[in-house]
Protein backbone atom coordinates (compact mmCIF):
# COMPACT_ATOMS: atom_id res chain seq x y z
CA PRO A 1 0.00 0.00 0.00
CA ASN A 2 2.92 2.39 0.49
CA VAL A 3 3.58 2.29 -3.24
CA TRP A 4 -0.02 2.47 -4.45
CA LEU A 5 -1.67 4.82 -1.94
CA HIS A 6 0.89 7.02 -0.25
CA PRO A 7 4.47 6.62 1.00
CA SER A 8 3.37 7.31 4.59
CA PHE A 9 0.46 4.86 4.60
CA GLY A 10 2.17 2.42 6.98
CA LYS A 11 3.12 5.13 9.45
CA LEU A 12 -0.42 6.44 9.43
CA LEU A 13 -1.81 2.96 9.94
CA PHE A 14 0.41 2.32 12.96
CA CYS A 15 -0.36 5.73 14.47
CA VAL A 16 -4.10 5.13 14.10
CA ALA A 17 -3.64 1.75 15.76
CA ASP A 18 -1.86 3.49 18.67
CA LEU A 19 -4.82 5.85 19.04
CA CYS A 20 -7.19 2.86 19.02
CA VAL A 21 -5.11 1.24 21.77
CA GLY A 22 -5.45 4.41 23.82
CA ALA A 23 -9.22 4.47 23.34
CA LEU A 24 -9.53 0.81 24.25
CA LEU A 25 -7.35 1.27 27.34
CA HIS A 26 -9.54 4.14 28.48
CA ALA A 27 -12.72 2.14 27.90
CA ILE A 28 -11.40 -0.89 29.77
CA LEU A 29 -10.15 1.13 32.72
CA CYS A 30 -13.40 3.08 33.02
CA ALA A 31 -15.43 -0.14 32.75
CA ARG A 32 -13.40 -1.61 35.61
CA GLY A 33 -14.22 1.36 37.85
CA VAL A 34 -10.96 3.26 37.61
CA PRO A 35 -11.53 7.01 38.13
CA ALA A 36 -11.52 8.99 34.88
CA HIS A 37 -8.51 11.13 35.82
CA VAL A 38 -6.43 8.02 36.53
CA ALA A 39 -7.57 6.42 33.26
CA ASP A 40 -6.62 9.62 31.42
CA ARG A 41 -3.13 9.50 32.91
CA CYS A 42 -2.69 5.85 31.98
CA VAL A 43 -3.74 6.56 28.40
CA ALA A 44 -1.43 9.58 28.29
CA ALA A 45 1.42 7.35 29.50
CA TRP A 46 0.75 5.08 26.51
CA LEU A 47 0.18 7.76 23.89
CA PHE A 48 3.01 10.11 24.90
CA ASN A 49 5.58 7.41 25.59
CA PRO A 50 8.56 8.30 23.37
CA VAL A 51 9.47 4.64 22.92
CA ALA A 52 5.98 3.74 21.66
CA ILE A 53 5.98 6.77 19.36
CA ALA A 54 9.36 5.86 17.88
CA ILE A 55 8.40 2.22 17.45
CA SER A 56 5.07 2.91 15.75
CA THR A 57 6.46 5.51 13.36
CA ARG A 58 9.31 3.21 12.33
CA GLY A 59 6.92 0.48 11.25
CA SER A 60 6.57 -1.95 14.13
CA HIS A 61 3.28 -3.75 14.31
CA ASP A 62 2.98 -3.91 18.12
CA ALA A 63 -0.08 -1.65 18.19
CA LEU A 64 -1.78 -3.70 15.47
CA ILE A 65 -1.46 -6.75 17.70
CA ALA A 66 -2.54 -4.84 20.82
CA VAL A 67 -5.82 -3.63 19.25
CA PRO A 68 -7.47 -7.08 18.88
CA VAL A 69 -6.05 -8.25 22.22
CA LEU A 70 -7.46 -5.24 24.05
CA GLY A 71 -10.71 -5.55 22.09
CA ALA A 72 -11.08 -9.15 23.26
CA LEU A 73 -10.24 -8.08 26.81
CA MET A 74 -12.88 -5.35 26.65
CA ILE A 75 -15.49 -7.85 25.44
CA HIS A 76 -14.51 -10.23 28.22
CA CYS A 77 -14.78 -7.46 30.82
CA ARG A 78 -18.29 -6.62 29.62
CA VAL A 79 -19.45 -10.25 29.55
CA CYS A 80 -17.87 -11.21 32.88
CA PRO A 81 -17.90 -8.14 35.14
């Protein structure tokens, strides 16, 4: 897709996946009863972590793996509170 669509397609994909991980983390933490300000800080620790930023913009697929894992965890938390 980098050749056909845009040279930065992969970087954009991984950055969007990082944002999805942040949203899923926030949803899971709030569903488990964590106060919103604590959940916000945990999500900020993920999103503003310089290591995670460098890894996702260099093309690592860690966030793409974390999205379905956290999605399954969120479904499990809703089914089995």
